[in-house]
Amino acid sequence: WAMLPLIARNLLGGGAGLYGLLLAAVGAGAVAGALLLPKMKSRLGPNGAVAAGTIGVAIAMVVLASVRLEAIALGVAGLAGASWIMVLSNLNVSAQTALPDWVRARGLSIFLTVFFGSMTVGSLAWGQLAVMTSIETSLLAAAIGTLLAIPLTWSARLEQGGDQDLAPSMHWPAPIVAVGLAATETGPVTIQIAYRIGESDRPAFLALICGLRQARRRSGGFSWRLLQDAADPSRFVETWQEASWTQHLRHHERVTAADRAIQDEIGALHQGSEGPEVTHLLAAG
């Protein structure tokens, strides 16, 4: 985007009119890309659609760095617009589906800040490279870097939260606080949950508890640990901390149905007539 005015003036020998046509071509391509997006996404999936859009942007940069014909430049500007909307839409949808309702607005604000902040930093970096070398070199370097980023980031899958139920489950009972003991806001709250797991069920338990660890952290937990009783190997204690008692009460409201499914699977492995033992420890004094 930062190079487009320079492409119109320096590489294509045009002026404001040509720059306006290039912008119009980008906009038209974006509209066309939005219309084609559902079909592309159904065929390629979100990750494939983002990869295809990334390749489209890289092709546009290579052509703009090599060709001096206005008609071709307008065509690849349209390709860049379609590719841009394909990437942006899929990233936005992925960010929204990965976030539960209580944190969606804050999460999207961080996502957009990073996304457009990176564009700003990138514009400065590629512009500086163009000053040091040439516009063509900067465009080609950006295209190569874009293509290399596809395999490097392929493990970061998109829309992983699309198949999870992130609605609040509200299945945690209210914690019990003894009469005369006030829940304090001056220090962290420690939560401990004791499980009894048979030897044959321990591999499954350890695999499930890793998913539960992520759920605790997503809802504000920190210093998460899993401990095993030295005197009784079947006894495992999950422990983590939260910033305050109010924060922990909010955690009760934020537990999702997807989290509950993991907890139910772990509860099925727990041995004993009663469920896992839950303890809340408050700062003394």
C-alpha atoms as a PDB file:
ATOM      1  CA  TRP A   1       0.000   0.000   0.000  1.00  0.00           C
ATOM      2  CA  ALA A   2       2.805   2.436   0.809  1.00  0.00           C
ATOM      3  CA  MET A   3       4.453   1.763  -2.568  1.00  0.00           C
ATOM      4  CA  LEU A   4       1.376   2.271  -4.726  1.00  0.00           C
ATOM      5  CA  PRO A   5       1.804   6.052  -5.271  1.00  0.00           C
ATOM      6  CA  LEU A   6       5.462   5.491  -6.188  1.00  0.00           C
ATOM      7  CA  ILE A   7       4.513   2.668  -8.547  1.00  0.00           C
ATOM      8  CA  ALA A   8       2.096   4.988 -10.348  1.00  0.00           C
ATOM      9  CA  ARG A   9       4.565   7.852 -10.632  1.00  0.00           C
ATOM     10  CA  ASN A  10       8.054   6.333 -10.830  1.00  0.00           C
ATOM     11  CA  LEU A  11       7.515   2.918 -12.426  1.00  0.00           C
ATOM     12  CA  LEU A  12       4.522   3.575 -14.677  1.00  0.00           C
ATOM     13  CA  GLY A  13       5.232   7.264 -15.394  1.00  0.00           C
ATOM     14  CA  GLY A  14       1.705   8.362 -14.493  1.00  0.00           C
ATOM     15  CA  GLY A  15       0.208  10.900 -12.154  1.00  0.00           C
ATOM     16  CA  ALA A  16      -2.728  11.349  -9.799  1.00  0.00           C
ATOM     17  CA  GLY A  17      -5.145  10.005 -12.409  1.00  0.00           C
ATOM     18  CA  LEU A  18      -3.306   6.712 -12.767  1.00  0.00           C
ATOM     19  CA  TYR A  19      -2.970   6.417  -9.002  1.00  0.00           C
ATOM     20  CA  GLY A  20      -6.736   6.885  -8.694  1.00  0.00           C
ATOM     21  CA  LEU A  21      -7.326   4.156 -11.281  1.00  0.00           C
ATOM     22  CA  LEU A  22      -5.020   1.787  -9.410  1.00  0.00           C
ATOM     23  CA  LEU A  23      -6.935   2.433  -6.186  1.00  0.00           C
ATOM     24  CA  ALA A  24     -10.213   1.902  -8.028  1.00  0.00           C
ATOM     25  CA  ALA A  25      -8.896  -1.398  -9.405  1.00  0.00           C
ATOM     26  CA  VAL A  26      -7.909  -2.486  -5.897  1.00  0.00           C
ATOM     27  CA  GLY A  27     -11.402  -1.608  -4.643  1.00  0.00           C
ATOM     28  CA  ALA A  28     -13.116  -3.426  -7.512  1.00  0.00           C
ATOM     29  CA  GLY A  29     -10.922  -6.456  -6.897  1.00  0.00           C
ATOM     30  CA  ALA A  30     -11.848  -6.393  -3.213  1.00  0.00           C
ATOM     31  CA  VAL A  31     -15.565  -6.386  -4.073  1.00  0.00           C
ATOM     32  CA  ALA A  32     -15.094  -9.249  -6.517  1.00  0.00           C
ATOM     33  CA  GLY A  33     -13.010 -11.127  -3.965  1.00  0.00           C
ATOM     34  CA  ALA A  34     -15.727 -10.720  -1.336  1.00  0.00           C
ATOM     35  CA  LEU A  35     -18.261 -12.260  -3.739  1.00  0.00           C
ATOM     36  CA  LEU A  36     -15.940 -15.188  -4.511  1.00  0.00           C
ATOM     37  CA  LEU A  37     -14.823 -15.669  -0.913  1.00  0.00           C
ATOM     38  CA  PRO A  38     -17.511 -18.198   0.199  1.00  0.00           C
ATOM     39  CA  LYS A  39     -16.754 -20.490  -2.749  1.00  0.00           C
ATOM     40  CA  MET A  40     -12.979 -20.214  -2.257  1.00  0.00           C
ATOM     41  CA  LYS A  41     -13.281 -20.882   1.462  1.00  0.00           C
ATOM     42  CA  SER A  42     -15.508 -23.933   0.937  1.00  0.00           C
ATOM     43  CA  ARG A  43     -12.950 -25.422  -1.453  1.00  0.00           C
ATOM     44  CA  LEU A  44      -9.701 -24.459   0.258  1.00  0.00           C
ATOM     45  CA  GLY A  45     -10.710 -23.955   3.872  1.00  0.00           C
ATOM     46  CA  PRO A  46      -9.632 -20.880   5.857  1.00  0.00           C
ATOM     47  CA  ASN A  47      -5.927 -21.783   5.889  1.00  0.00           C
ATOM     48  CA  GLY A  48      -5.838 -22.549   2.167  1.00  0.00           C
ATOM     49  CA  ALA A  49      -7.771 -19.368   1.364  1.00  0.00           C
ATOM     50  CA  VAL A  50      -5.301 -17.235   3.328  1.00  0.00           C
ATOM     51  CA  ALA A  51      -2.382 -18.983   1.612  1.00  0.00           C
ATOM     52  CA  ALA A  52      -3.991 -18.389  -1.805  1.00  0.00           C
ATOM     53  CA  GLY A  53      -4.588 -14.734  -0.979  1.00  0.00           C
ATOM     54  CA  THR A  54      -0.996 -14.370   0.188  1.00  0.00           C
ATOM     55  CA  ILE A  55       0.286 -15.877  -3.066  1.00  0.00           C
ATOM     56  CA  GLY A  56      -1.972 -13.492  -4.998  1.00  0.00           C
ATOM     57  CA  VAL A  57      -0.468 -10.465  -3.234  1.00  0.00           C
ATOM     58  CA  ALA A  58       3.050 -11.772  -3.899  1.00  0.00           C
ATOM     59  CA  ILE A  59       2.272 -12.239  -7.614  1.00  0.00           C
ATOM     60  CA  ALA A  60       0.904  -8.694  -7.789  1.00  0.00           C
ATOM     61  CA  MET A  61       4.094  -7.281  -6.257  1.00  0.00           C
ATOM     62  CA  VAL A  62       6.331  -9.245  -8.645  1.00  0.00           C
ATOM     63  CA  VAL A  63       4.350  -8.101 -11.699  1.00  0.00           C
ATOM     64  CA  LEU A  64       4.275  -4.458 -10.573  1.00  0.00           C
ATOM     65  CA  ALA A  65       8.050  -4.580 -10.088  1.00  0.00           C
ATOM     66  CA  SER A  66       8.638  -6.040 -13.567  1.00  0.00           C
ATOM     67  CA  VAL A  67       5.978  -4.760 -15.980  1.00  0.00           C
ATOM     68  CA  ARG A  68       5.526  -1.191 -17.219  1.00  0.00           C
ATOM     69  CA  LEU A  69       2.155  -1.531 -18.970  1.00  0.00           C
ATOM     70  CA  GLU A  70      -0.743   0.319 -17.341  1.00  0.00           C
ATOM     71  CA  ALA A  71      -3.365  -2.240 -18.359  1.00  0.00           C
ATOM     72  CA  ILE A  72      -1.439  -5.087 -16.730  1.00  0.00           C
ATOM     73  CA  ALA A  73      -0.782  -2.955 -13.656  1.00  0.00           C
ATOM     74  CA  LEU A  74      -4.515  -2.300 -13.295  1.00  0.00           C
ATOM     75  CA  GLY A  75      -5.227  -6.024 -13.640  1.00  0.00           C
ATOM     76  CA  VAL A  76      -2.782  -7.054 -10.929  1.00  0.00           C
ATOM     77  CA  ALA A  77      -4.061  -4.219  -8.720  1.00  0.00           C
ATOM     78  CA  GLY A  78      -7.455  -5.917  -8.951  1.00  0.00           C
ATOM     79  CA  LEU A  79      -5.800  -9.236  -8.057  1.00  0.00           C
ATOM     80  CA  ALA A  80      -4.141  -7.576  -5.059  1.00  0.00           C
ATOM     81  CA  GLY A  81      -7.506  -6.220  -3.874  1.00  0.00           C
ATOM     82  CA  ALA A  82      -9.190  -9.622  -4.151  1.00  0.00           C
ATOM     83  CA  SER A  83      -6.281 -11.321  -2.406  1.00  0.00           C
ATOM     84  CA  TRP A  84      -6.222  -8.678   0.333  1.00  0.00           C
ATOM     85  CA  ILE A  85      -9.902  -9.089   1.195  1.00  0.00           C
ATOM     86  CA  MET A  86      -9.523 -12.881   1.190  1.00  0.00           C
ATOM     87  CA  VAL A  87      -6.740 -12.726   3.771  1.00  0.00           C
ATOM     88  CA  LEU A  88      -8.289  -9.984   5.902  1.00  0.00           C
ATOM     89  CA  SER A  89     -11.750 -11.591   6.052  1.00  0.00           C
ATOM     90  CA  ASN A  90     -10.443 -15.006   7.047  1.00  0.00           C
ATOM     91  CA  LEU A  91      -8.166 -13.574   9.726  1.00  0.00           C
ATOM     92  CA  ASN A  92     -11.023 -11.473  11.151  1.00  0.00           C
ATOM     93  CA  VAL A  93     -13.413 -14.427  11.241  1.00  0.00           C
ATOM     94  CA  SER A  94     -10.757 -16.641  12.834  1.00  0.00           C
ATOM     95  CA  ALA A  95     -10.098 -14.063  15.552  1.00  0.00           C
ATOM     96  CA  GLN A  96     -13.814 -13.733  16.313  1.00  0.00           C
ATOM     97  CA  THR A  97     -14.515 -17.476  16.478  1.00  0.00           C
ATOM     98  CA  ALA A  98     -11.517 -18.055  18.759  1.00  0.00           C
ATOM     99  CA  LEU A  99     -12.776 -15.594  21.386  1.00  0.00           C
ATOM    100  CA  PRO A 100     -15.633 -16.095  23.875  1.00  0.00           C
ATOM    101  CA  ASP A 101     -18.176 -13.311  24.308  1.00  0.00           C
ATOM    102  CA  TRP A 102     -16.699 -11.815  27.483  1.00  0.00           C
ATOM    103  CA  VAL A 103     -13.342 -11.017  25.881  1.00  0.00           C
ATOM    104  CA  ARG A 104     -14.237 -10.682  22.186  1.00  0.00           C
ATOM    105  CA  ALA A 105     -14.166  -6.871  22.006  1.00  0.00           C
ATOM    106  CA  ARG A 106     -10.822  -6.631  23.809  1.00  0.00           C
ATOM    107  CA  GLY A 107      -9.341  -9.498  21.818  1.00  0.00           C
ATOM    108  CA  LEU A 108     -10.383  -7.987  18.480  1.00  0.00           C
ATOM    109  CA  SER A 109      -8.998  -4.598  19.486  1.00  0.00           C
ATOM    110  CA  ILE A 110      -5.622  -6.203  20.206  1.00  0.00           C
ATOM    111  CA  PHE A 111      -5.770  -8.165  16.949  1.00  0.00           C
ATOM    112  CA  LEU A 112      -6.541  -5.049  14.878  1.00  0.00           C
ATOM    113  CA  THR A 113      -3.879  -3.024  16.685  1.00  0.00           C
ATOM    114  CA  VAL A 114      -1.241  -5.643  15.920  1.00  0.00           C
ATOM    115  CA  PHE A 115      -2.464  -6.139  12.346  1.00  0.00           C
ATOM    116  CA  PHE A 116      -2.525  -2.506  11.280  1.00  0.00           C
ATOM    117  CA  GLY A 117       0.451  -1.632  13.473  1.00  0.00           C
ATOM    118  CA  SER A 118       2.434  -4.273  11.592  1.00  0.00           C
ATOM    119  CA  MET A 119       1.317  -2.706   8.309  1.00  0.00           C
ATOM    120  CA  THR A 120       2.596   0.655   9.530  1.00  0.00           C
ATOM    121  CA  VAL A 121       5.955  -0.755  10.582  1.00  0.00           C
ATOM    122  CA  GLY A 122       6.154  -2.724   7.342  1.00  0.00           C
ATOM    123  CA  SER A 123       5.492   0.397   5.283  1.00  0.00           C
ATOM    124  CA  LEU A 124       8.378   2.153   7.021  1.00  0.00           C
ATOM    125  CA  ALA A 125      10.695  -0.833   6.552  1.00  0.00           C
ATOM    126  CA  TRP A 126       9.924  -1.440   2.867  1.00  0.00           C
ATOM    127  CA  GLY A 127      10.053   2.279   2.173  1.00  0.00           C
ATOM    128  CA  GLN A 128      13.492   2.508   3.756  1.00  0.00           C
ATOM    129  CA  LEU A 129      14.644  -0.460   1.679  1.00  0.00           C
ATOM    130  CA  ALA A 130      13.355   1.276  -1.458  1.00  0.00           C
ATOM    131  CA  VAL A 131      15.357   4.386  -0.535  1.00  0.00           C
ATOM    132  CA  MET A 132      18.496   2.328   0.009  1.00  0.00           C
ATOM    133  CA  THR A 133      18.065   0.200  -3.131  1.00  0.00           C
ATOM    134  CA  SER A 134      15.079   0.684  -5.456  1.00  0.00           C
ATOM    135  CA  ILE A 135      11.306   0.335  -5.548  1.00  0.00           C
ATOM    136  CA  GLU A 136      11.609  -2.830  -7.643  1.00  0.00           C
ATOM    137  CA  THR A 137      14.020  -4.437  -5.167  1.00  0.00           C
ATOM    138  CA  SER A 138      11.757  -3.603  -2.261  1.00  0.00           C
ATOM    139  CA  LEU A 139       8.696  -5.100  -3.991  1.00  0.00           C
ATOM    140  CA  LEU A 140      10.558  -8.274  -4.962  1.00  0.00           C
ATOM    141  CA  ALA A 141      11.988  -8.685  -1.461  1.00  0.00           C
ATOM    142  CA  ALA A 142       8.514  -8.247   0.031  1.00  0.00           C
ATOM    143  CA  ALA A 143       7.084 -10.817  -2.386  1.00  0.00           C
ATOM    144  CA  ILE A 144       9.778 -13.378  -1.545  1.00  0.00           C
ATOM    145  CA  GLY A 145       9.336 -12.781   2.185  1.00  0.00           C
ATOM    146  CA  THR A 146       5.578 -13.189   1.836  1.00  0.00           C
ATOM    147  CA  LEU A 147       5.936 -16.544   0.074  1.00  0.00           C
ATOM    148  CA  LEU A 148       8.476 -17.787   2.627  1.00  0.00           C
ATOM    149  CA  ALA A 149       6.073 -16.871   5.442  1.00  0.00           C
ATOM    150  CA  ILE A 150       3.465 -19.386   4.217  1.00  0.00           C
ATOM    151  CA  PRO A 151       5.343 -22.590   5.224  1.00  0.00           C
ATOM    152  CA  LEU A 152       6.850 -20.897   8.269  1.00  0.00           C
ATOM    153  CA  THR A 153       3.394 -20.031   9.682  1.00  0.00           C
ATOM    154  CA  TRP A 154       1.466 -23.051   8.408  1.00  0.00           C
ATOM    155  CA  SER A 155       1.332 -24.668  11.858  1.00  0.00           C
ATOM    156  CA  ALA A 156      -0.728 -21.712  13.179  1.00  0.00           C
ATOM    157  CA  ARG A 157      -4.113 -23.033  12.091  1.00  0.00           C
ATOM    158  CA  LEU A 158      -7.053 -20.663  11.678  1.00  0.00           C
ATOM    159  CA  GLU A 159     -10.601 -20.939  13.061  1.00  0.00           C
ATOM    160  CA  GLN A 160      -9.645 -23.500  15.696  1.00  0.00           C
ATOM    161  CA  GLY A 161     -12.450 -22.200  17.906  1.00  0.00           C
ATOM    162  CA  GLY A 162     -15.130 -22.617  15.254  1.00  0.00           C
ATOM    163  CA  ASP A 163     -16.057 -26.120  16.401  1.00  0.00           C
ATOM    164  CA  GLN A 164     -16.013 -25.267  20.118  1.00  0.00           C
ATOM    165  CA  ASP A 165     -18.967 -24.130  22.176  1.00  0.00           C
ATOM    166  CA  LEU A 166     -17.678 -20.966  23.875  1.00  0.00           C
ATOM    167  CA  ALA A 167     -21.019 -20.080  25.502  1.00  0.00           C
ATOM    168  CA  PRO A 168     -20.871 -19.787  29.322  1.00  0.00           C
ATOM    169  CA  SER A 169     -21.718 -23.128  30.925  1.00  0.00           C
ATOM    170  CA  MET A 170     -22.383 -21.691  34.440  1.00  0.00           C
ATOM    171  CA  HIS A 171     -21.847 -25.155  35.931  1.00  0.00           C
ATOM    172  CA  TRP A 172     -19.359 -24.172  38.634  1.00  0.00           C
ATOM    173  CA  PRO A 173     -21.074 -23.883  42.044  1.00  0.00           C
ATOM    174  CA  ALA A 174     -20.513 -20.744  44.089  1.00  0.00           C
ATOM    175  CA  PRO A 175     -17.407 -21.126  46.273  1.00  0.00           C
ATOM    176  CA  ILE A 176     -18.023 -21.532  49.989  1.00  0.00           C
ATOM    177  CA  VAL A 177     -16.500 -18.912  52.306  1.00  0.00           C
ATOM    178  CA  ALA A 178     -16.642 -19.488  56.055  1.00  0.00           C
ATOM    179  CA  VAL A 179     -18.587 -17.038  58.214  1.00  0.00           C
ATOM    180  CA  GLY A 180     -16.308 -14.286  59.481  1.00  0.00           C
ATOM    181  CA  LEU A 181     -13.671 -14.846  56.804  1.00  0.00           C
ATOM    182  CA  ALA A 182     -13.733 -12.018  54.281  1.00  0.00           C
ATOM    183  CA  ALA A 183     -12.490 -12.698  50.785  1.00  0.00           C
ATOM    184  CA  THR A 184      -9.581 -10.331  50.275  1.00  0.00           C
ATOM    185  CA  GLU A 185      -8.713  -8.242  47.236  1.00  0.00           C
ATOM    186  CA  THR A 186      -5.168  -7.524  48.381  1.00  0.00           C
ATOM    187  CA  GLY A 187      -3.501 -10.631  47.045  1.00  0.00           C
ATOM    188  CA  PRO A 188      -3.887 -13.597  44.716  1.00  0.00           C
ATOM    189  CA  VAL A 189      -6.280 -16.460  45.368  1.00  0.00           C
ATOM    190  CA  THR A 190      -4.927 -20.009  45.142  1.00  0.00           C
ATOM    191  CA  ILE A 191      -7.216 -22.757  43.845  1.00  0.00           C
ATOM    192  CA  GLN A 192      -6.393 -26.434  44.337  1.00  0.00           C
ATOM    193  CA  ILE A 193      -8.263 -29.404  42.890  1.00  0.00           C
ATOM    194  CA  ALA A 194      -7.327 -32.918  44.036  1.00  0.00           C
ATOM    195  CA  TYR A 195      -7.952 -35.895  41.728  1.00  0.00           C
ATOM    196  CA  ARG A 196      -7.535 -39.624  42.276  1.00  0.00           C
ATOM    197  CA  ILE A 197      -6.526 -41.297  39.042  1.00  0.00           C
ATOM    198  CA  GLY A 198      -5.864 -44.989  38.522  1.00  0.00           C
ATOM    199  CA  GLU A 199      -2.584 -46.052  36.939  1.00  0.00           C
ATOM    200  CA  SER A 200      -4.190 -47.179  33.666  1.00  0.00           C
ATOM    201  CA  ASP A 201      -6.030 -43.836  33.286  1.00  0.00           C
ATOM    202  CA  ARG A 202      -3.020 -41.574  33.910  1.00  0.00           C
ATOM    203  CA  PRO A 203      -1.926 -41.120  30.254  1.00  0.00           C
ATOM    204  CA  ALA A 204      -5.448 -40.007  29.302  1.00  0.00           C
ATOM    205  CA  PHE A 205      -5.644 -37.777  32.384  1.00  0.00           C
ATOM    206  CA  LEU A 206      -2.334 -36.050  31.633  1.00  0.00           C
ATOM    207  CA  ALA A 207      -3.405 -35.413  28.034  1.00  0.00           C
ATOM    208  CA  LEU A 208      -6.730 -33.903  29.130  1.00  0.00           C
ATOM    209  CA  ILE A 209      -5.236 -31.787  31.908  1.00  0.00           C
ATOM    210  CA  CYS A 210      -3.063 -29.974  29.341  1.00  0.00           C
ATOM    211  CA  GLY A 211      -6.231 -28.717  27.638  1.00  0.00           C
ATOM    212  CA  LEU A 212      -7.632 -27.739  31.011  1.00  0.00           C
ATOM    213  CA  ARG A 213      -4.440 -25.796  31.785  1.00  0.00           C
ATOM    214  CA  GLN A 214      -5.023 -23.666  28.678  1.00  0.00           C
ATOM    215  CA  ALA A 215      -8.619 -23.052  29.755  1.00  0.00           C
ATOM    216  CA  ARG A 216      -7.511 -21.870  33.210  1.00  0.00           C
ATOM    217  CA  ARG A 217      -5.015 -19.457  31.690  1.00  0.00           C
ATOM    218  CA  ARG A 218      -7.495 -18.109  29.159  1.00  0.00           C
ATOM    219  CA  SER A 219      -9.780 -17.105  32.015  1.00  0.00           C
ATOM    220  CA  GLY A 220      -7.122 -15.255  34.007  1.00  0.00           C
ATOM    221  CA  GLY A 221      -5.296 -18.021  35.858  1.00  0.00           C
ATOM    222  CA  PHE A 222      -1.530 -18.012  36.278  1.00  0.00           C
ATOM    223  CA  SER A 223       1.194 -20.070  38.016  1.00  0.00           C
ATOM    224  CA  TRP A 224      -0.608 -23.265  36.945  1.00  0.00           C
ATOM    225  CA  ARG A 225       0.987 -26.502  38.152  1.00  0.00           C
ATOM    226  CA  LEU A 226       0.121 -30.185  38.359  1.00  0.00           C
ATOM    227  CA  LEU A 227       1.558 -32.011  41.391  1.00  0.00           C
ATOM    228  CA  GLN A 228       1.625 -35.692  42.324  1.00  0.00           C
ATOM    229  CA  ASP A 229       1.491 -36.887  45.918  1.00  0.00           C
ATOM    230  CA  ALA A 230       4.775 -38.585  46.860  1.00  0.00           C
ATOM    231  CA  ALA A 231       3.020 -40.832  49.412  1.00  0.00           C
ATOM    232  CA  ASP A 232       0.030 -41.659  47.201  1.00  0.00           C
ATOM    233  CA  PRO A 233       0.848 -41.757  43.440  1.00  0.00           C
ATOM    234  CA  SER A 234      -2.833 -41.925  42.522  1.00  0.00           C
ATOM    235  CA  ARG A 235      -3.432 -38.459  44.010  1.00  0.00           C
ATOM    236  CA  PHE A 236      -2.838 -35.496  41.688  1.00  0.00           C
ATOM    237  CA  VAL A 237      -3.293 -31.860  42.717  1.00  0.00           C
ATOM    238  CA  GLU A 238      -3.975 -29.183  40.131  1.00  0.00           C
ATOM    239  CA  THR A 239      -3.175 -25.713  41.430  1.00  0.00           C
ATOM    240  CA  TRP A 240      -3.217 -22.219  39.982  1.00  0.00           C
ATOM    241  CA  GLN A 241      -3.615 -18.630  41.129  1.00  0.00           C
ATOM    242  CA  GLU A 242      -5.868 -15.736  40.169  1.00  0.00           C
ATOM    243  CA  ALA A 243      -5.295 -12.047  40.819  1.00  0.00           C
ATOM    244  CA  SER A 244      -8.132 -11.540  43.316  1.00  0.00           C
ATOM    245  CA  TRP A 245     -11.305 -13.037  44.695  1.00  0.00           C
ATOM    246  CA  THR A 246     -13.367 -10.906  42.305  1.00  0.00           C
ATOM    247  CA  GLN A 247     -11.314 -12.240  39.407  1.00  0.00           C
ATOM    248  CA  HIS A 248     -12.018 -15.795  40.542  1.00  0.00           C
ATOM    249  CA  LEU A 249     -15.755 -15.122  40.761  1.00  0.00           C
ATOM    250  CA  ARG A 250     -15.594 -13.776  37.214  1.00  0.00           C
ATOM    251  CA  HIS A 251     -13.855 -17.000  36.205  1.00  0.00           C
ATOM    252  CA  HIS A 252     -16.953 -18.877  37.415  1.00  0.00           C
ATOM    253  CA  GLU A 253     -19.003 -16.901  34.883  1.00  0.00           C
ATOM    254  CA  ARG A 254     -16.515 -17.374  32.028  1.00  0.00           C
ATOM    255  CA  VAL A 255     -16.151 -21.160  32.007  1.00  0.00           C
ATOM    256  CA  THR A 256     -17.359 -22.305  28.584  1.00  0.00           C
ATOM    257  CA  ALA A 257     -19.271 -25.377  27.502  1.00  0.00           C
ATOM    258  CA  ALA A 258     -16.084 -26.551  25.747  1.00  0.00           C
ATOM    259  CA  ASP A 259     -14.210 -26.276  29.062  1.00  0.00           C
ATOM    260  CA  ARG A 260     -16.980 -28.206  30.785  1.00  0.00           C
ATOM    261  CA  ALA A 261     -16.624 -31.050  28.267  1.00  0.00           C
ATOM    262  CA  ILE A 262     -12.937 -31.440  29.193  1.00  0.00           C
ATOM    263  CA  GLN A 263     -13.748 -31.262  32.913  1.00  0.00           C
ATOM    264  CA  ASP A 264     -16.430 -33.937  32.522  1.00  0.00           C
ATOM    265  CA  GLU A 265     -13.943 -36.254  30.805  1.00  0.00           C
ATOM    266  CA  ILE A 266     -11.443 -35.717  33.614  1.00  0.00           C
ATOM    267  CA  GLY A 267     -14.192 -36.215  36.203  1.00  0.00           C
ATOM    268  CA  ALA A 268     -15.021 -39.572  34.618  1.00  0.00           C
ATOM    269  CA  LEU A 269     -11.432 -40.702  35.281  1.00  0.00           C
ATOM    270  CA  HIS A 270     -11.563 -39.597  38.932  1.00  0.00           C
ATOM    271  CA  GLN A 271     -11.911 -42.460  41.401  1.00  0.00           C
ATOM    272  CA  GLY A 272     -14.251 -42.090  44.342  1.00  0.00           C
ATOM    273  CA  SER A 273     -17.925 -41.598  45.089  1.00  0.00           C
ATOM    274  CA  GLU A 274     -17.506 -37.843  45.350  1.00  0.00           C
ATOM    275  CA  GLY A 275     -16.039 -35.535  42.747  1.00  0.00           C
ATOM    276  CA  PRO A 276     -12.580 -33.981  42.830  1.00  0.00           C
ATOM    277  CA  GLU A 277     -11.905 -31.993  46.004  1.00  0.00           C
ATOM    278  CA  VAL A 278     -11.785 -28.223  45.408  1.00  0.00           C
ATOM    279  CA  THR A 279      -9.992 -25.891  47.860  1.00  0.00           C
ATOM    280  CA  HIS A 280      -9.828 -22.077  47.800  1.00  0.00           C
ATOM    281  CA  LEU A 281      -6.925 -20.477  49.691  1.00  0.00           C
ATOM    282  CA  LEU A 282      -7.069 -16.761  50.523  1.00  0.00           C
ATOM    283  CA  ALA A 283      -4.317 -14.430  51.635  1.00  0.00           C
ATOM    284  CA  ALA A 284      -4.159 -14.430  55.446  1.00  0.00           C
ATOM    285  CA  GLY A 285      -4.299 -11.194  57.379  1.00  0.00           C
END
